Amino acid sequence: MREEETFQDLTSLFAAEDRALEAKPFVDEVMGKVRRRALMRRAVLLAVGGVGAIVAALQMPGLLGDWAALDNTVVNSIASAQQQADLLASSNPLWLGIAAVVGLCVAAVATMERA
């Protein structure tokens, strides 16, 4: 009989301690890290997707120029943008190096986030 009373006392003590501990600070800390990583991953994917879209847009005149009769203004504007990008890269090759370093950094961050 005496052992049952001790057990009840310990059970109520542990239950009171469990109620006193709140999980909110722990959950907020863990979920904050998860949200930050998700935002960073989203930003990296958006940037890489934007670069891919620009590269694809620069290739459009060569791909569609032979098959479809595109409006000359569209073809000329895309070709002009491509020539200006080539001119910028050839006038200062440092930009190509900077773009390569940024691309490698983005790839490294994306790889490390997945591991």
Protein backbone atom coordinates (compact mmCIF):
# COMPACT_ATOMS: atom_id res chain seq x y z
CA MET A 1 0.00 0.00 0.00
CA ARG A 2 2.80 2.35 0.89
CA GLU A 3 4.58 1.64 -2.45
CA GLU A 4 1.46 2.60 -4.42
CA GLU A 5 1.31 5.98 -2.69
CA THR A 6 5.00 6.64 -3.49
CA PHE A 7 4.38 5.69 -7.10
CA GLN A 8 1.42 8.07 -7.28
CA ASP A 9 3.51 10.87 -5.82
CA LEU A 10 6.27 10.33 -8.39
CA THR A 11 3.75 10.14 -11.22
CA SER A 12 2.15 13.40 -10.23
CA LEU A 13 5.61 14.99 -9.80
CA PHE A 14 6.72 13.91 -13.30
CA ALA A 15 3.42 15.02 -14.80
CA ALA A 16 3.80 18.44 -13.17
CA GLU A 17 7.37 18.77 -14.53
CA ASP A 18 6.23 17.77 -18.03
CA ARG A 19 3.49 20.39 -17.93
CA ALA A 20 6.01 23.02 -16.76
CA LEU A 21 8.33 22.38 -19.71
CA GLU A 22 7.11 24.04 -22.85
CA ALA A 23 8.07 22.73 -26.27
CA LYS A 24 7.50 26.07 -28.00
CA PRO A 25 11.09 27.44 -27.72
CA PHE A 26 12.55 24.19 -29.01
CA VAL A 27 10.07 23.94 -31.87
CA ASP A 28 10.60 27.60 -32.79
CA GLU A 29 14.37 27.14 -32.92
CA VAL A 30 14.22 24.00 -35.06
CA MET A 31 11.53 25.31 -37.40
CA GLY A 32 13.38 28.63 -37.77
CA LYS A 33 16.41 26.79 -39.14
CA VAL A 34 14.22 24.76 -41.46
CA ARG A 35 12.49 27.89 -42.77
CA ARG A 36 15.79 29.71 -43.33
CA ARG A 37 17.20 26.77 -45.29
CA ALA A 38 14.03 26.50 -47.35
CA LEU A 39 14.17 30.22 -48.18
CA MET A 40 17.86 29.98 -49.13
CA ARG A 41 17.22 26.92 -51.28
CA ARG A 42 14.29 28.67 -52.96
CA ALA A 43 16.44 31.75 -53.69
CA VAL A 44 19.24 29.62 -55.18
CA LEU A 45 16.82 27.68 -57.35
CA LEU A 46 15.15 30.89 -58.49
CA ALA A 47 18.51 32.44 -59.42
CA VAL A 48 19.68 29.35 -61.30
CA GLY A 49 16.33 29.07 -63.05
CA GLY A 50 16.49 32.73 -64.07
CA VAL A 51 19.97 32.28 -65.52
CA GLY A 52 18.75 29.20 -67.40
CA ALA A 53 15.79 31.14 -68.78
CA ILE A 54 18.07 33.93 -69.98
CA VAL A 55 20.43 31.47 -71.66
CA ALA A 56 17.48 29.75 -73.32
CA ALA A 57 16.08 33.10 -74.50
CA LEU A 58 19.43 33.99 -76.05
CA GLN A 59 19.36 30.75 -78.04
CA MET A 60 15.85 31.29 -79.40
CA PRO A 61 16.73 33.18 -82.61
CA GLY A 62 19.08 30.45 -83.74
CA LEU A 63 16.59 27.70 -82.96
CA LEU A 64 13.39 29.24 -84.24
CA GLY A 65 14.77 31.55 -86.92
CA ASP A 66 15.07 28.74 -89.45
CA TRP A 67 11.78 26.99 -88.68
CA ALA A 68 9.27 29.73 -88.07
CA ALA A 69 8.86 33.16 -89.53
CA LEU A 70 9.37 35.24 -86.40
CA ASP A 71 8.81 38.93 -86.38
CA ASN A 72 12.04 40.67 -87.35
CA THR A 73 11.90 42.98 -84.35
CA VAL A 74 11.90 40.05 -81.92
CA VAL A 75 14.77 38.33 -83.72
CA ASN A 76 16.73 41.58 -83.98
CA SER A 77 16.23 42.51 -80.32
CA ILE A 78 17.31 39.08 -79.06
CA ALA A 79 20.29 39.03 -81.43
CA SER A 80 21.23 42.54 -80.28
CA ALA A 81 21.09 41.50 -76.63
CA GLN A 82 23.24 38.47 -77.42
CA GLN A 83 25.80 40.64 -79.23
CA GLN A 84 25.91 43.09 -76.33
CA ALA A 85 26.47 40.25 -73.87
CA ASP A 86 29.26 38.87 -76.08
CA LEU A 87 30.77 42.36 -76.36
CA LEU A 88 30.72 42.79 -72.57
CA ALA A 89 32.35 39.40 -72.05
CA SER A 90 35.03 40.03 -74.68
CA SER A 91 35.83 43.57 -73.52
CA ASN A 92 36.36 42.49 -69.93
CA PRO A 93 36.95 38.74 -69.47
CA LEU A 94 36.95 39.26 -65.71
CA TRP A 95 33.14 39.11 -65.90
CA LEU A 96 33.37 35.54 -67.20
CA GLY A 97 35.60 34.60 -64.27
CA ILE A 98 33.23 36.25 -61.81
CA ALA A 99 30.26 34.42 -63.34
CA ALA A 100 32.15 31.11 -63.16
CA VAL A 101 33.05 31.63 -59.48
CA VAL A 102 29.48 32.59 -58.63
CA GLY A 103 28.19 29.53 -60.48
CA LEU A 104 30.58 27.24 -58.62
CA CYS A 105 29.61 28.80 -55.27
CA VAL A 106 25.92 28.35 -56.02
CA ALA A 107 26.52 24.72 -57.02
CA ALA A 108 28.53 24.10 -53.84
CA VAL A 109 25.83 25.63 -51.63
CA ALA A 110 23.10 23.62 -53.36
CA THR A 111 25.15 20.43 -52.98
CA MET A 112 25.92 21.03 -49.31
CA GLU A 113 22.28 21.79 -48.51
CA ARG A 114 21.22 18.40 -49.88
CA ALA A 115 23.80 16.44 -47.87
